[in-house]
Amino acid sequence: MYNTRKFDVRVWAVVTDDFRIYFYKSGYIRTASSNYDLQNRNNYVHLTNQCLQIKDKENYGTHEEGNTLSFQELQEYIDANTSHGLNIEEHLLPRMMDMCIDTFLSVRHELNPERRPNVFELFGFDFLLDEDFRVWLIECNTNPYLGTPCAYMKEMLP
């Protein structure tokens, strides 16, 4: 994104047995180890998954520890590299939450089919920001990565 970097935004949501949805205020951004280029077929350029990026021994962690940014660090990057006046909390996160809700609504009948009380499930949502800062839902994970590849994640997860 923005000429050389690719960012995938990760947010977490919890759904309860009575279909209340809670979003975690903090999320994180996974980055690619190598500069983004459509002509480059190297997976390290296109896929930001931790399990893949960590295998790029030459470039992993070159740009930021654990190829991970906080929302604040992404905001600083946007402010320094664009003149859009884009605010993550005001412009991007509401769109992501809408997409999460739409996703839950599309499978509501499948969630907690046994109607067990007092249960919840944690979901991880992955979004791509394109060059125009449009938000695209990549996937929803029922078993999101909860590792701590950097100080930010070690602080956020507990």
Protein backbone atom coordinates (compact mmCIF):
# COMPACT_ATOMS: atom_id res chain seq x y z
CA MET A 1 0.00 0.00 0.00
CA TYR A 2 1.12 3.53 -0.62
CA ASN A 3 3.75 2.59 -3.15
CA THR A 4 5.88 0.26 -1.06
CA ARG A 5 4.03 -1.13 1.97
CA LYS A 6 1.19 -3.61 2.37
CA PHE A 7 -0.95 -3.46 5.53
CA ASP A 8 -3.58 -5.93 6.72
CA VAL A 9 -5.65 -4.73 9.66
CA ARG A 10 -6.67 -7.27 12.31
CA VAL A 11 -9.55 -6.73 14.73
CA TRP A 12 -11.15 -9.04 17.26
CA ALA A 13 -14.81 -9.44 18.15
CA VAL A 14 -16.64 -11.60 20.65
CA VAL A 15 -20.16 -12.91 20.12
CA THR A 16 -22.17 -14.11 23.10
CA ASP A 17 -24.90 -16.75 23.29
CA ASP A 18 -27.59 -14.05 23.05
CA PHE A 19 -25.86 -12.54 20.03
CA ARG A 20 -24.32 -9.50 21.68
CA ILE A 21 -21.23 -8.40 19.77
CA TYR A 22 -18.24 -6.83 21.51
CA PHE A 23 -15.35 -5.32 19.60
CA TYR A 24 -11.90 -4.96 21.08
CA LYS A 25 -10.84 -1.31 20.97
CA SER A 26 -7.27 -2.30 20.15
CA GLY A 27 -6.31 -4.11 17.02
CA TYR A 28 -3.13 -4.43 15.06
CA ILE A 29 -1.71 -4.23 11.60
CA ARG A 30 0.31 -7.03 10.05
CA THR A 31 2.85 -5.88 7.50
CA ALA A 32 4.77 -7.56 4.74
CA SER A 33 8.52 -8.03 5.16
CA SER A 34 9.26 -7.00 1.60
CA ASN A 35 8.18 -3.99 -0.43
CA TYR A 36 4.90 -4.40 -2.27
CA ASP A 37 5.11 -4.94 -6.01
CA LEU A 38 2.43 -6.59 -8.16
CA GLN A 39 5.10 -8.07 -10.42
CA ASN A 40 6.88 -9.81 -7.54
CA ARG A 41 5.56 -13.37 -7.07
CA ASN A 42 7.29 -13.78 -3.70
CA ASN A 43 4.66 -14.66 -1.05
CA TYR A 44 6.47 -12.45 1.49
CA VAL A 45 5.28 -9.46 -0.54
CA HIS A 46 1.61 -10.44 -0.75
CA LEU A 47 0.74 -12.42 2.40
CA THR A 48 1.15 -10.91 5.86
CA ASN A 49 0.41 -14.02 7.93
CA GLN A 50 2.81 -14.33 10.87
CA CYS A 51 3.47 -18.02 10.15
CA LEU A 52 4.69 -17.12 6.65
CA GLN A 53 6.44 -13.81 7.33
CA ILE A 54 8.61 -15.26 10.10
CA LYS A 55 10.15 -17.61 7.51
CA ASP A 56 11.57 -14.62 5.62
CA LYS A 57 14.82 -14.71 7.61
CA GLU A 58 16.37 -11.95 5.52
CA ASN A 59 13.64 -9.30 5.91
CA TYR A 60 11.36 -10.23 8.83
CA GLY A 61 11.19 -7.36 11.31
CA THR A 62 13.15 -4.99 9.06
CA HIS A 63 10.50 -2.27 9.09
CA GLU A 64 8.94 -2.88 12.53
CA GLU A 65 9.30 -5.41 15.33
CA GLY A 66 7.38 -8.59 14.56
CA ASN A 67 5.98 -7.04 11.37
CA THR A 68 3.28 -5.52 13.58
CA LEU A 69 1.98 -1.98 14.00
CA SER A 70 -0.52 -0.52 16.43
CA PHE A 71 -3.42 1.58 15.17
CA GLN A 72 -1.54 4.64 16.44
CA GLU A 73 1.57 3.73 14.44
CA LEU A 74 -0.54 3.24 11.31
CA GLN A 75 -2.17 6.62 11.94
CA GLU A 76 1.27 8.22 12.19
CA TYR A 77 2.28 6.53 8.92
CA ILE A 78 -0.88 7.77 7.17
CA ASP A 79 -0.40 11.30 8.53
CA ALA A 80 3.24 11.38 7.38
CA ASN A 81 2.68 9.89 3.92
CA THR A 82 -0.69 11.28 2.78
CA SER A 83 -2.69 14.46 2.82
CA HIS A 84 -6.10 12.75 3.05
CA GLY A 85 -6.89 13.77 6.62
CA LEU A 86 -7.89 10.17 7.19
CA ASN A 87 -8.54 9.10 10.77
CA ILE A 88 -8.51 5.37 11.52
CA GLU A 89 -11.02 5.54 14.39
CA GLU A 90 -13.43 7.84 12.54
CA HIS A 91 -13.16 6.55 8.98
CA LEU A 92 -11.84 2.97 8.90
CA LEU A 93 -12.92 1.20 12.09
CA PRO A 94 -16.65 1.97 11.70
CA ARG A 95 -16.56 0.41 8.22
CA MET A 96 -14.74 -2.64 9.60
CA MET A 97 -17.30 -3.02 12.39
CA ASP A 98 -20.13 -2.82 9.85
CA MET A 99 -18.49 -5.61 7.85
CA CYS A 100 -18.07 -7.71 11.01
CA ILE A 101 -21.74 -7.26 11.88
CA ASP A 102 -22.77 -8.18 8.32
CA THR A 103 -20.62 -11.30 8.59
CA PHE A 104 -22.23 -12.33 11.88
CA LEU A 105 -25.70 -11.67 10.52
CA SER A 106 -24.99 -13.87 7.51
CA VAL A 107 -24.25 -16.87 9.76
CA ARG A 108 -26.38 -16.04 12.79
CA HIS A 109 -28.43 -19.22 12.44
CA GLU A 110 -25.20 -21.28 12.56
CA LEU A 111 -23.82 -19.69 15.73
CA ASN A 112 -24.58 -21.63 18.93
CA PRO A 113 -27.04 -24.04 17.27
CA GLU A 114 -27.51 -25.96 20.54
CA ARG A 115 -28.57 -22.72 22.26
CA ARG A 116 -26.11 -23.24 25.12
CA PRO A 117 -26.28 -20.39 27.67
CA ASN A 118 -23.34 -18.35 28.93
CA VAL A 119 -20.97 -19.07 26.05
CA PHE A 120 -19.04 -16.84 23.72
CA GLU A 121 -16.67 -17.13 20.79
CA LEU A 122 -13.70 -14.99 19.81
CA PHE A 123 -13.32 -14.13 16.13
CA GLY A 124 -10.46 -12.49 14.31
CA PHE A 125 -11.20 -10.39 11.24
CA ASP A 126 -8.58 -9.57 8.63
CA PHE A 127 -8.99 -6.53 6.41
CA LEU A 128 -6.95 -5.14 3.55
CA LEU A 129 -6.55 -1.41 2.99
CA ASP A 130 -6.10 -0.64 -0.68
CA GLU A 131 -4.24 2.32 -2.15
CA ASP A 132 -7.36 4.49 -1.79
CA PHE A 133 -7.83 3.35 1.82
CA ARG A 134 -10.92 1.36 0.97
CA VAL A 135 -11.54 -1.46 3.43
CA TRP A 136 -11.83 -5.02 2.11
CA LEU A 137 -12.71 -8.01 4.29
CA ILE A 138 -10.20 -10.78 3.63
CA GLU A 139 -11.41 -13.40 6.10
CA CYS A 140 -12.92 -14.15 9.47
CA ASN A 141 -11.09 -16.62 11.71
CA THR A 142 -12.66 -18.64 14.49
CA ASN A 143 -9.19 -19.34 15.84
CA PRO A 144 -7.33 -16.02 15.52
CA TYR A 145 -3.58 -15.82 16.05
CA LEU A 146 -2.89 -14.72 19.62
CA GLY A 147 0.90 -14.81 19.56
CA THR A 148 3.18 -12.08 20.82
CA PRO A 149 5.82 -11.37 18.17
CA CYS A 150 6.49 -7.87 19.51
CA ALA A 151 6.24 -5.68 22.60
CA TYR A 152 2.94 -4.14 21.45
CA MET A 153 1.23 -7.55 21.24
CA LYS A 154 2.72 -8.63 24.59
CA GLU A 155 1.14 -5.55 26.16
CA MET A 156 -2.18 -5.81 24.34
CA LEU A 157 -3.04 -9.48 24.75
CA PRO A 158 -3.33 -9.87 28.54
